[in-house]
Amino acid sequence: MPEVFGKIMNLVIAGNGGELNDAVRRALDDGLEAGEILAQGLIAGMNEVGRRMKSGEMFIPEVLLSARTMQGGLDILKPHLSEDAASRAGTIVIGTVEGDLHDIGKNLVAMMLEGAGFKVIDLGVDVKAEAFVEAIKTHKPNLVGMSALLTTTVANMKKTIEAIQEAGLRDKVKIMAGGAPVTQRLVVEELGADGYGASASEAVDRARALIG
């Protein structure tokens, strides 16, 4: 494996955006394939960040910095990636449900998912059920992720899942739900979703498992 992949991986972990961007550009100039740089450099780095987050070696501010650093490198690679390479892990639509304007957790999960190789369509915050339905029709994702921080907006997760069901799309996608008031029991027994992650790194692992 070229030494540059290990360097890129370590720069992602360190959150050193300036040096990472230079390293990615040099790797492209040296003729390395964008897909390899993505897989063996950027994604490998974010996989290690996820592992360290789980073990308590890294905390949310550091993970956010690494995710933003990875995103800068990914932006450089995107023009050189085929659509298949850019989304080889699958496509995910994500958003914070109607009535909820909180986005820190949702943004972290979205960045971690993109760092894991997923194509992520972020619908933002205060997303109505109808907007989720339209996004499924337009983007044909493998998975839909819904976030809520307020206990009062968890009901809108159920409303969204019901809208997806009524549109005849429920069997087309897996659905994950997350946020402070969300639990595994709530997700499965009350919402009828397919999965839940207690942290951003767990959400990524669950998304991988659901998509297969």
Protein backbone atom coordinates (compact mmCIF):
# COMPACT_ATOMS: atom_id res chain seq x y z
CA MET A 1 0.00 0.00 0.00
CA PRO A 2 1.46 3.41 -0.95
CA GLU A 3 2.74 5.35 2.06
CA VAL A 4 0.53 8.30 1.13
CA PHE A 5 -2.61 6.39 2.14
CA GLY A 6 -1.34 6.01 5.69
CA LYS A 7 -0.41 9.69 5.75
CA ILE A 8 -3.88 10.73 4.57
CA MET A 9 -5.47 8.42 7.14
CA ASN A 10 -3.42 9.97 9.96
CA LEU A 11 -4.17 13.53 8.80
CA VAL A 12 -7.91 12.75 8.93
CA ILE A 13 -7.52 11.42 12.48
CA ALA A 14 -5.49 14.49 13.48
CA GLY A 15 -7.98 16.87 11.87
CA ASN A 16 -5.25 18.62 9.88
CA GLY A 17 -7.23 19.97 6.94
CA GLY A 18 -4.55 22.03 5.23
CA GLU A 19 -2.01 19.22 5.05
CA LEU A 20 -4.69 16.68 4.15
CA ASN A 21 -5.90 18.69 1.16
CA ASP A 22 -2.31 19.05 -0.07
CA ALA A 23 -1.71 15.30 0.36
CA VAL A 24 -4.89 14.41 -1.55
CA ARG A 25 -3.97 16.73 -4.44
CA ARG A 26 -0.44 15.28 -4.58
CA ALA A 27 -1.82 11.74 -4.61
CA LEU A 28 -4.03 12.62 -7.57
CA ASP A 29 -1.11 14.32 -9.34
CA ASP A 30 0.96 11.17 -8.80
CA GLY A 31 -1.66 9.17 -10.68
CA LEU A 32 -3.33 7.35 -7.78
CA GLU A 33 -6.99 6.53 -8.36
CA ALA A 34 -9.52 8.72 -6.55
CA GLY A 35 -11.45 5.65 -5.40
CA GLU A 36 -8.34 4.19 -3.75
CA ILE A 37 -7.53 7.49 -2.05
CA LEU A 38 -11.09 7.58 -0.74
CA ALA A 39 -11.15 3.99 0.50
CA GLN A 40 -7.61 3.54 1.81
CA GLY A 41 -7.05 7.10 3.04
CA LEU A 42 -10.19 9.05 3.94
CA ILE A 43 -12.55 6.19 4.85
CA ALA A 44 -9.81 4.27 6.63
CA GLY A 45 -9.16 7.41 8.69
CA MET A 46 -12.81 7.87 9.61
CA ASN A 47 -13.13 4.18 10.47
CA GLU A 48 -10.31 4.65 12.98
CA VAL A 49 -11.97 7.82 14.29
CA GLY A 50 -15.17 5.82 14.83
CA ARG A 51 -13.24 3.14 16.70
CA ARG A 52 -11.56 5.73 18.94
CA MET A 53 -14.89 7.44 19.60
CA LYS A 54 -16.38 4.14 20.76
CA SER A 55 -13.44 3.44 23.04
CA GLY A 56 -13.47 6.92 24.56
CA GLU A 57 -10.11 7.92 23.06
CA MET A 58 -11.75 10.68 20.98
CA PHE A 59 -14.64 12.97 21.86
CA ILE A 60 -17.30 14.77 19.81
CA PRO A 61 -15.33 18.01 19.16
CA GLU A 62 -12.37 15.98 17.87
CA VAL A 63 -14.63 13.72 15.81
CA LEU A 64 -16.32 16.75 14.25
CA LEU A 65 -12.91 18.18 13.34
CA SER A 66 -11.86 14.90 11.74
CA ALA A 67 -15.17 14.69 9.86
CA ARG A 68 -14.80 18.22 8.51
CA THR A 69 -11.22 17.45 7.53
CA MET A 70 -12.36 14.33 5.69
CA GLN A 71 -15.07 16.35 3.97
CA GLY A 72 -12.49 18.78 2.59
CA GLY A 73 -10.53 15.89 1.09
CA LEU A 74 -13.70 14.34 -0.29
CA ASP A 75 -14.63 17.61 -2.00
CA ILE A 76 -11.31 17.48 -3.85
CA LEU A 77 -11.89 13.85 -4.88
CA LYS A 78 -15.53 14.14 -5.96
CA PRO A 79 -14.85 15.45 -9.51
CA HIS A 80 -12.56 12.44 -10.04
CA LEU A 81 -14.91 9.79 -8.63
CA SER A 82 -17.41 7.83 -10.63
CA GLU A 83 -20.95 7.83 -9.19
CA ASP A 84 -20.48 4.18 -8.22
CA ALA A 85 -17.25 4.89 -6.35
CA ALA A 86 -18.70 7.92 -4.59
CA SER A 87 -21.64 5.95 -3.20
CA ARG A 88 -20.47 2.35 -3.23
CA ALA A 89 -21.68 1.75 0.34
CA GLY A 90 -25.21 2.92 -0.49
CA THR A 91 -27.34 6.06 -0.54
CA ILE A 92 -28.90 7.56 2.58
CA VAL A 93 -31.45 10.36 2.99
CA ILE A 94 -31.19 12.03 6.39
CA GLY A 95 -32.98 14.88 8.15
CA THR A 96 -34.29 16.27 11.44
CA VAL A 97 -38.05 15.78 11.61
CA GLU A 98 -40.73 18.47 11.45
CA GLY A 99 -40.84 20.84 14.42
CA ASP A 100 -37.22 20.22 15.46
CA LEU A 101 -34.41 22.62 14.54
CA HIS A 102 -31.53 20.75 16.19
CA ASP A 103 -28.83 19.59 13.80
CA ILE A 104 -25.52 18.97 15.60
CA GLY A 105 -26.12 15.24 16.07
CA LYS A 106 -27.66 14.87 12.63
CA ASN A 107 -24.73 16.69 11.02
CA LEU A 108 -22.20 14.50 12.82
CA VAL A 109 -23.97 11.32 11.74
CA ALA A 110 -24.20 12.59 8.16
CA MET A 111 -20.48 13.38 8.05
CA MET A 112 -19.57 10.02 9.59
CA LEU A 113 -21.77 8.23 7.05
CA GLU A 114 -20.15 10.11 4.19
CA GLY A 115 -16.77 9.29 5.66
CA ALA A 116 -17.80 5.62 5.61
CA GLY A 117 -18.44 5.80 1.87
CA PHE A 118 -22.18 6.44 1.74
CA LYS A 119 -23.76 9.01 -0.54
CA VAL A 120 -25.70 11.26 1.85
CA ILE A 121 -28.60 13.51 0.92
CA ASP A 122 -29.10 15.85 3.89
CA LEU A 123 -32.59 17.38 3.94
CA GLY A 124 -31.72 19.70 6.84
CA VAL A 125 -33.96 20.45 9.83
CA ASP A 126 -37.71 20.82 10.38
CA VAL A 127 -38.33 18.35 7.54
CA LYS A 128 -41.98 17.55 6.88
CA ALA A 129 -43.07 13.95 6.32
CA GLU A 130 -43.97 14.79 2.72
CA ALA A 131 -40.41 16.00 2.06
CA PHE A 132 -39.00 12.65 3.21
CA VAL A 133 -41.45 10.87 0.90
CA GLU A 134 -40.46 13.06 -2.07
CA ALA A 135 -36.76 12.52 -1.34
CA ILE A 136 -37.26 8.75 -1.38
CA LYS A 137 -39.03 8.99 -4.74
CA THR A 138 -36.31 11.24 -6.18
CA HIS A 139 -33.10 9.70 -4.80
CA LYS A 140 -34.18 6.06 -4.30
CA PRO A 141 -32.02 5.64 -1.17
CA ASN A 142 -31.21 2.39 0.55
CA LEU A 143 -31.90 3.94 3.94
CA VAL A 144 -33.67 6.92 5.53
CA GLY A 145 -32.33 8.43 8.76
CA MET A 146 -34.50 10.60 11.01
CA SER A 147 -33.29 12.68 13.95
CA ALA A 148 -35.11 14.37 16.83
CA LEU A 149 -33.77 16.01 19.98
CA LEU A 150 -37.09 17.09 21.49
CA THR A 151 -39.38 14.54 23.12
CA THR A 152 -42.32 16.40 21.60
CA THR A 153 -41.08 15.84 18.04
CA VAL A 154 -40.57 12.08 18.33
CA ALA A 155 -44.24 11.75 17.33
CA ASN A 156 -43.29 13.28 13.97
CA MET A 157 -40.93 10.34 13.38
CA LYS A 158 -43.95 8.04 13.57
CA LYS A 159 -45.91 10.43 11.34
CA THR A 160 -43.09 10.32 8.79
CA ILE A 161 -42.88 6.53 8.81
CA GLU A 162 -46.66 6.34 8.36
CA ALA A 163 -46.41 8.73 5.38
CA ILE A 164 -43.71 6.54 3.83
CA GLN A 165 -45.96 3.52 4.38
CA GLU A 166 -48.98 5.24 2.85
CA ALA A 167 -46.92 6.20 -0.21
CA GLY A 168 -46.16 2.51 -0.78
CA LEU A 169 -42.44 3.02 -0.18
CA ARG A 170 -41.89 1.33 3.18
CA ASP A 171 -40.60 -1.89 1.66
CA LYS A 172 -38.20 0.07 -0.56
CA VAL A 173 -36.06 1.50 2.25
CA LYS A 174 -34.66 0.72 5.64
CA ILE A 175 -35.38 3.36 8.29
CA MET A 176 -33.21 4.47 11.19
CA ALA A 177 -34.13 6.88 13.97
CA GLY A 178 -31.91 8.62 16.48
CA GLY A 179 -31.56 11.46 18.96
CA ALA A 180 -31.52 12.03 22.71
CA PRO A 181 -35.10 10.85 23.46
CA VAL A 182 -34.87 7.84 21.14
CA THR A 183 -34.22 4.31 22.42
CA GLN A 184 -33.97 0.90 20.78
CA ARG A 185 -37.31 -0.14 22.29
CA LEU A 186 -39.01 3.02 21.03
CA VAL A 187 -37.57 2.57 17.54
CA VAL A 188 -38.67 -1.03 17.12
CA GLU A 189 -41.86 -1.29 19.19
CA GLU A 190 -43.47 2.13 18.79
CA LEU A 191 -42.05 3.72 15.65
CA GLY A 192 -41.68 0.59 13.54
CA ALA A 193 -38.24 1.61 12.28
CA ASP A 194 -35.46 -0.84 11.48
CA GLY A 195 -32.53 0.45 13.48
CA TYR A 196 -31.03 2.85 16.01
CA GLY A 197 -27.56 3.99 17.00
CA ALA A 198 -26.79 5.41 20.43
CA SER A 199 -23.85 7.34 18.95
CA ALA A 200 -22.69 8.50 15.52
CA SER A 201 -20.24 5.62 15.18
CA GLU A 202 -22.92 3.10 16.21
CA ALA A 203 -25.29 4.66 13.65
CA VAL A 204 -22.71 4.04 10.93
CA ASP A 205 -22.27 0.42 12.00
CA ARG A 206 -26.03 -0.09 12.06
CA ALA A 207 -26.45 1.51 8.64
CA ARG A 208 -23.83 -0.85 7.20
CA ALA A 209 -25.59 -3.84 8.75
CA LEU A 210 -29.03 -2.80 7.50
CA ILE A 211 -27.87 -2.16 3.96
CA GLY A 212 -25.78 -5.31 3.97
